[in-house]
């Protein structure tokens, strides 16, 4: 059921690095993005795939992982993603990518979850450094990076408390807690 799939599609930040995510799987996931909606049907997104240890090591240092977890620098060796999909916008087609990359990212993550994988949409990117590390031409705007792999952490949705604090946290057992507003809090009548 779609509701269950959406509930299981969380932002995972720790993975079993030994579990590979190969090119064929990434192609299947990007195909889900390709089939999604695109503003004015321009289809300006391009996807750079990373699934080898060498290329993944070139991507990893240019990402920030969890702003609310101040004392956590990101996943340790062994818990890093097995793959990345870097979503690029081709500025030769348009300068405005609207929400295309958000739609594409969610389609990819839903597909990953359906396959027993997980991921995290990362927008905190050192773009100039990543561009240099991967030799990405200037006419591609770096929009998002999706980290993908076999999750090794549990993510639990919580009701937003009365204080309204939306910050996620990890408990002593390493369970990642994510507060969510109720349906009543977000509907305007």
C-alpha atoms as a PDB file:
ATOM      1  CA  UNK A   1       0.000   0.000   0.000  1.00  0.00           C
ATOM      2  CA  UNK A   2       1.248   3.473  -0.845  1.00  0.00           C
ATOM      3  CA  UNK A   3       0.717   4.845   2.690  1.00  0.00           C
ATOM      4  CA  UNK A   4       2.925   2.109   4.157  1.00  0.00           C
ATOM      5  CA  UNK A   5       5.603   2.716   1.514  1.00  0.00           C
ATOM      6  CA  UNK A   6       5.618   6.454   2.307  1.00  0.00           C
ATOM      7  CA  UNK A   7       5.839   5.778   6.062  1.00  0.00           C
ATOM      8  CA  UNK A   8       8.858   3.512   5.471  1.00  0.00           C
ATOM      9  CA  UNK A   9      10.561   6.021   3.158  1.00  0.00           C
ATOM     10  CA  UNK A  10      12.592   7.918   5.740  1.00  0.00           C
ATOM     11  CA  UNK A  11      15.872   9.818   5.660  1.00  0.00           C
ATOM     12  CA  UNK A  12      18.416   7.137   6.508  1.00  0.00           C
ATOM     13  CA  UNK A  13      21.939   8.298   7.237  1.00  0.00           C
ATOM     14  CA  UNK A  14      23.666   5.062   8.275  1.00  0.00           C
ATOM     15  CA  UNK A  15      24.044   2.084   5.940  1.00  0.00           C
ATOM     16  CA  UNK A  16      25.687  -1.313   5.668  1.00  0.00           C
ATOM     17  CA  UNK A  17      28.515  -0.259   3.403  1.00  0.00           C
ATOM     18  CA  UNK A  18      29.270  -3.903   2.550  1.00  0.00           C
ATOM     19  CA  UNK A  19      25.875  -4.257   0.827  1.00  0.00           C
ATOM     20  CA  UNK A  20      26.420  -3.094  -2.775  1.00  0.00           C
ATOM     21  CA  UNK A  21      23.984  -1.040  -4.801  1.00  0.00           C
ATOM     22  CA  UNK A  22      24.951  -1.632  -8.401  1.00  0.00           C
ATOM     23  CA  UNK A  23      24.541   0.254 -11.625  1.00  0.00           C
ATOM     24  CA  UNK A  24      21.489  -1.752 -12.746  1.00  0.00           C
ATOM     25  CA  UNK A  25      19.618  -0.911  -9.534  1.00  0.00           C
ATOM     26  CA  UNK A  26      20.504   2.764  -9.926  1.00  0.00           C
ATOM     27  CA  UNK A  27      19.287   2.718 -13.532  1.00  0.00           C
ATOM     28  CA  UNK A  28      15.962   1.222 -12.396  1.00  0.00           C
ATOM     29  CA  UNK A  29      15.631   3.941  -9.746  1.00  0.00           C
ATOM     30  CA  UNK A  30      16.529   6.780 -12.107  1.00  0.00           C
ATOM     31  CA  UNK A  31      13.979   5.405 -14.561  1.00  0.00           C
ATOM     32  CA  UNK A  32      11.329   6.062 -11.887  1.00  0.00           C
ATOM     33  CA  UNK A  33      12.501   9.677 -11.787  1.00  0.00           C
ATOM     34  CA  UNK A  34      12.491   9.910 -15.574  1.00  0.00           C
ATOM     35  CA  UNK A  35       8.843   8.855 -15.692  1.00  0.00           C
ATOM     36  CA  UNK A  36       7.759  11.509 -13.161  1.00  0.00           C
ATOM     37  CA  UNK A  37       6.306  14.933 -13.816  1.00  0.00           C
ATOM     38  CA  UNK A  38       8.449  17.760 -15.169  1.00  0.00           C
ATOM     39  CA  UNK A  39       7.536  21.469 -15.383  1.00  0.00           C
ATOM     40  CA  UNK A  40       6.555  22.291 -18.990  1.00  0.00           C
ATOM     41  CA  UNK A  41       7.746  18.731 -19.740  1.00  0.00           C
ATOM     42  CA  UNK A  42      11.260  20.139 -20.309  1.00  0.00           C
ATOM     43  CA  UNK A  43      12.907  17.133 -18.606  1.00  0.00           C
ATOM     44  CA  UNK A  44      16.083  19.109 -17.790  1.00  0.00           C
ATOM     45  CA  UNK A  45      17.409  16.787 -15.081  1.00  0.00           C
ATOM     46  CA  UNK A  46      20.497  14.646 -15.514  1.00  0.00           C
ATOM     47  CA  UNK A  47      21.784  11.997 -13.123  1.00  0.00           C
ATOM     48  CA  UNK A  48      25.374  11.226 -12.226  1.00  0.00           C
ATOM     49  CA  UNK A  49      25.709   7.746 -10.724  1.00  0.00           C
ATOM     50  CA  UNK A  50      28.249   6.702  -8.124  1.00  0.00           C
ATOM     51  CA  UNK A  51      28.480   3.086  -6.978  1.00  0.00           C
ATOM     52  CA  UNK A  52      32.165   2.204  -6.752  1.00  0.00           C
ATOM     53  CA  UNK A  53      34.124   2.647  -3.521  1.00  0.00           C
ATOM     54  CA  UNK A  54      36.537   5.015  -5.272  1.00  0.00           C
ATOM     55  CA  UNK A  55      33.885   7.324  -6.678  1.00  0.00           C
ATOM     56  CA  UNK A  56      31.844   7.171  -3.461  1.00  0.00           C
ATOM     57  CA  UNK A  57      34.944   8.274  -1.545  1.00  0.00           C
ATOM     58  CA  UNK A  58      35.180  11.279  -3.891  1.00  0.00           C
ATOM     59  CA  UNK A  59      31.546  12.261  -3.173  1.00  0.00           C
ATOM     60  CA  UNK A  60      31.347  11.719   0.602  1.00  0.00           C
ATOM     61  CA  UNK A  61      33.533  14.586   1.925  1.00  0.00           C
ATOM     62  CA  UNK A  62      31.471  17.188   0.062  1.00  0.00           C
ATOM     63  CA  UNK A  63      28.202  16.468   1.901  1.00  0.00           C
ATOM     64  CA  UNK A  64      26.757  17.604   5.242  1.00  0.00           C
ATOM     65  CA  UNK A  65      24.690  14.952   6.973  1.00  0.00           C
ATOM     66  CA  UNK A  66      22.394  16.046   9.805  1.00  0.00           C
ATOM     67  CA  UNK A  67      22.152  19.682  10.877  1.00  0.00           C
ATOM     68  CA  UNK A  68      20.272  18.934  14.106  1.00  0.00           C
ATOM     69  CA  UNK A  69      22.806  16.318  15.249  1.00  0.00           C
ATOM     70  CA  UNK A  70      25.503  18.835  16.139  1.00  0.00           C
ATOM     71  CA  UNK A  71      28.032  16.310  17.504  1.00  0.00           C
ATOM     72  CA  UNK A  72      27.694  13.850  14.618  1.00  0.00           C
ATOM     73  CA  UNK A  73      30.009  14.404  11.630  1.00  0.00           C
ATOM     74  CA  UNK A  74      28.171  11.894   9.450  1.00  0.00           C
ATOM     75  CA  UNK A  75      28.356   8.164   8.945  1.00  0.00           C
ATOM     76  CA  UNK A  76      31.570   6.428   9.946  1.00  0.00           C
ATOM     77  CA  UNK A  77      33.485   4.153   7.613  1.00  0.00           C
ATOM     78  CA  UNK A  78      31.418   0.973   7.277  1.00  0.00           C
ATOM     79  CA  UNK A  79      28.146   2.927   7.616  1.00  0.00           C
ATOM     80  CA  UNK A  80      28.524   5.130   4.569  1.00  0.00           C
ATOM     81  CA  UNK A  81      26.282   4.914   1.499  1.00  0.00           C
ATOM     82  CA  UNK A  82      26.953   2.217  -1.073  1.00  0.00           C
ATOM     83  CA  UNK A  83      25.826   4.540  -3.856  1.00  0.00           C
ATOM     84  CA  UNK A  84      24.863   8.094  -4.714  1.00  0.00           C
ATOM     85  CA  UNK A  85      22.680   9.669  -7.356  1.00  0.00           C
ATOM     86  CA  UNK A  86      23.675  13.256  -8.022  1.00  0.00           C
ATOM     87  CA  UNK A  87      20.777  15.171  -9.538  1.00  0.00           C
ATOM     88  CA  UNK A  88      21.883  17.874 -11.958  1.00  0.00           C
ATOM     89  CA  UNK A  89      19.952  20.521 -13.871  1.00  0.00           C
ATOM     90  CA  UNK A  90      20.986  21.176 -17.445  1.00  0.00           C
ATOM     91  CA  UNK A  91      21.095  24.991 -17.675  1.00  0.00           C
ATOM     92  CA  UNK A  92      21.308  24.743 -21.461  1.00  0.00           C
ATOM     93  CA  UNK A  93      17.616  23.777 -21.350  1.00  0.00           C
ATOM     94  CA  UNK A  94      16.385  26.068 -18.555  1.00  0.00           C
ATOM     95  CA  UNK A  95      17.624  28.092 -15.596  1.00  0.00           C
ATOM     96  CA  UNK A  96      14.616  27.202 -13.418  1.00  0.00           C
ATOM     97  CA  UNK A  97      14.148  23.589 -12.387  1.00  0.00           C
ATOM     98  CA  UNK A  98      11.009  24.322 -10.377  1.00  0.00           C
ATOM     99  CA  UNK A  99      10.259  21.295  -8.205  1.00  0.00           C
ATOM    100  CA  UNK A 100      11.395  18.690 -10.735  1.00  0.00           C
ATOM    101  CA  UNK A 101      14.333  17.545  -8.612  1.00  0.00           C
ATOM    102  CA  UNK A 102      12.096  17.115  -5.551  1.00  0.00           C
ATOM    103  CA  UNK A 103       9.697  14.937  -7.531  1.00  0.00           C
ATOM    104  CA  UNK A 104      12.591  12.935  -8.983  1.00  0.00           C
ATOM    105  CA  UNK A 105      14.251  12.461  -5.591  1.00  0.00           C
ATOM    106  CA  UNK A 106      11.052  11.230  -3.962  1.00  0.00           C
ATOM    107  CA  UNK A 107      10.378   8.789  -6.825  1.00  0.00           C
ATOM    108  CA  UNK A 108      13.897   7.383  -6.429  1.00  0.00           C
ATOM    109  CA  UNK A 109      13.559   7.044  -2.645  1.00  0.00           C
ATOM    110  CA  UNK A 110      10.148   5.351  -2.928  1.00  0.00           C
ATOM    111  CA  UNK A 111      11.664   2.894  -5.398  1.00  0.00           C
ATOM    112  CA  UNK A 112      14.651   2.310  -3.126  1.00  0.00           C
ATOM    113  CA  UNK A 113      12.370   1.591  -0.164  1.00  0.00           C
ATOM    114  CA  UNK A 114      10.322  -0.832  -2.249  1.00  0.00           C
ATOM    115  CA  UNK A 115      13.582  -2.716  -2.973  1.00  0.00           C
ATOM    116  CA  UNK A 116      14.589  -2.921   0.714  1.00  0.00           C
ATOM    117  CA  UNK A 117      17.031  -0.029   0.433  1.00  0.00           C
ATOM    118  CA  UNK A 118      16.943   3.425   1.976  1.00  0.00           C
ATOM    119  CA  UNK A 119      18.338   6.820   1.314  1.00  0.00           C
ATOM    120  CA  UNK A 120      18.686  10.436   2.243  1.00  0.00           C
ATOM    121  CA  UNK A 121      18.076  13.532   0.139  1.00  0.00           C
ATOM    122  CA  UNK A 122      21.026  15.840   0.740  1.00  0.00           C
ATOM    123  CA  UNK A 123      20.870  19.502  -0.195  1.00  0.00           C
ATOM    124  CA  UNK A 124      23.766  20.639   1.992  1.00  0.00           C
ATOM    125  CA  UNK A 125      26.485  20.152  -0.605  1.00  0.00           C
ATOM    126  CA  UNK A 126      29.868  21.793  -1.086  1.00  0.00           C
ATOM    127  CA  UNK A 127      28.990  22.253  -4.740  1.00  0.00           C
ATOM    128  CA  UNK A 128      32.224  23.780  -6.028  1.00  0.00           C
ATOM    129  CA  UNK A 129      34.295  21.047  -4.391  1.00  0.00           C
ATOM    130  CA  UNK A 130      31.996  18.266  -5.627  1.00  0.00           C
ATOM    131  CA  UNK A 131      32.033  19.746  -9.131  1.00  0.00           C
ATOM    132  CA  UNK A 132      35.837  19.726  -9.120  1.00  0.00           C
ATOM    133  CA  UNK A 133      36.104  16.228  -7.611  1.00  0.00           C
ATOM    134  CA  UNK A 134      33.832  14.700 -10.265  1.00  0.00           C
ATOM    135  CA  UNK A 135      34.717  17.044 -13.143  1.00  0.00           C
ATOM    136  CA  UNK A 136      31.092  18.148 -13.595  1.00  0.00           C
ATOM    137  CA  UNK A 137      30.728  20.689 -16.427  1.00  0.00           C
ATOM    138  CA  UNK A 138      29.585  24.202 -15.406  1.00  0.00           C
ATOM    139  CA  UNK A 139      26.382  24.025 -17.437  1.00  0.00           C
ATOM    140  CA  UNK A 140      25.057  21.421 -15.001  1.00  0.00           C
ATOM    141  CA  UNK A 141      23.699  22.912 -11.787  1.00  0.00           C
ATOM    142  CA  UNK A 142      24.170  20.573  -8.837  1.00  0.00           C
ATOM    143  CA  UNK A 143      20.705  20.343  -7.262  1.00  0.00           C
ATOM    144  CA  UNK A 144      20.657  17.394  -4.850  1.00  0.00           C
ATOM    145  CA  UNK A 145      22.612  14.313  -3.855  1.00  0.00           C
ATOM    146  CA  UNK A 146      20.793  11.123  -2.908  1.00  0.00           C
ATOM    147  CA  UNK A 147      22.719   8.800  -0.608  1.00  0.00           C
ATOM    148  CA  UNK A 148      21.571   5.193  -1.004  1.00  0.00           C
ATOM    149  CA  UNK A 149      22.217   1.859   0.642  1.00  0.00           C
ATOM    150  CA  UNK A 150      20.945  -0.828   2.973  1.00  0.00           C
ATOM    151  CA  UNK A 151      19.889   1.045   6.161  1.00  0.00           C
ATOM    152  CA  UNK A 152      21.342  -0.035   9.504  1.00  0.00           C
ATOM    153  CA  UNK A 153      19.336   2.377  11.600  1.00  0.00           C
ATOM    154  CA  UNK A 154      15.757   2.564  12.768  1.00  0.00           C
ATOM    155  CA  UNK A 155      13.799   5.752  12.102  1.00  0.00           C
ATOM    156  CA  UNK A 156      10.643   6.373  14.136  1.00  0.00           C
ATOM    157  CA  UNK A 157       8.001   8.998  13.445  1.00  0.00           C
ATOM    158  CA  UNK A 158       6.808  10.884  16.527  1.00  0.00           C
ATOM    159  CA  UNK A 159       3.928  13.255  17.127  1.00  0.00           C
ATOM    160  CA  UNK A 160       5.159  16.827  17.367  1.00  0.00           C
ATOM    161  CA  UNK A 161       5.183  17.813  21.043  1.00  0.00           C
ATOM    162  CA  UNK A 162       3.302  20.801  22.500  1.00  0.00           C
ATOM    163  CA  UNK A 163       6.493  22.904  22.416  1.00  0.00           C
ATOM    164  CA  UNK A 164       6.504  22.583  18.601  1.00  0.00           C
ATOM    165  CA  UNK A 165      10.126  21.409  18.346  1.00  0.00           C
ATOM    166  CA  UNK A 166      10.655  19.878  14.886  1.00  0.00           C
ATOM    167  CA  UNK A 167      14.286  18.853  15.466  1.00  0.00           C
ATOM    168  CA  UNK A 168      14.998  15.151  14.983  1.00  0.00           C
ATOM    169  CA  UNK A 169      17.159  13.347  17.528  1.00  0.00           C
ATOM    170  CA  UNK A 170      18.771  10.017  18.358  1.00  0.00           C
ATOM    171  CA  UNK A 171      18.146   8.211  21.614  1.00  0.00           C
ATOM    172  CA  UNK A 172      20.740   6.249  23.632  1.00  0.00           C
ATOM    173  CA  UNK A 173      20.102   3.148  21.497  1.00  0.00           C
ATOM    174  CA  UNK A 174      20.786   5.112  18.285  1.00  0.00           C
ATOM    175  CA  UNK A 175      17.137   5.143  17.173  1.00  0.00           C
ATOM    176  CA  UNK A 176      16.462   8.205  15.044  1.00  0.00           C
ATOM    177  CA  UNK A 177      13.262  10.058  16.090  1.00  0.00           C
ATOM    178  CA  UNK A 178      11.504  12.441  13.676  1.00  0.00           C
ATOM    179  CA  UNK A 179       8.675  14.682  14.970  1.00  0.00           C
ATOM    180  CA  UNK A 180       5.798  15.240  12.546  1.00  0.00           C
ATOM    181  CA  UNK A 181       2.961  17.735  12.722  1.00  0.00           C
ATOM    182  CA  UNK A 182      -0.524  16.202  12.901  1.00  0.00           C
ATOM    183  CA  UNK A 183      -2.923  16.369   9.989  1.00  0.00           C
ATOM    184  CA  UNK A 184      -5.091  18.769  12.002  1.00  0.00           C
ATOM    185  CA  UNK A 185      -2.127  21.138  12.430  1.00  0.00           C
ATOM    186  CA  UNK A 186      -1.498  21.474   8.712  1.00  0.00           C
ATOM    187  CA  UNK A 187      -5.055  21.685   7.313  1.00  0.00           C
ATOM    188  CA  UNK A 188      -6.643  25.115   6.973  1.00  0.00           C
ATOM    189  CA  UNK A 189     -10.440  25.250   6.777  1.00  0.00           C
END
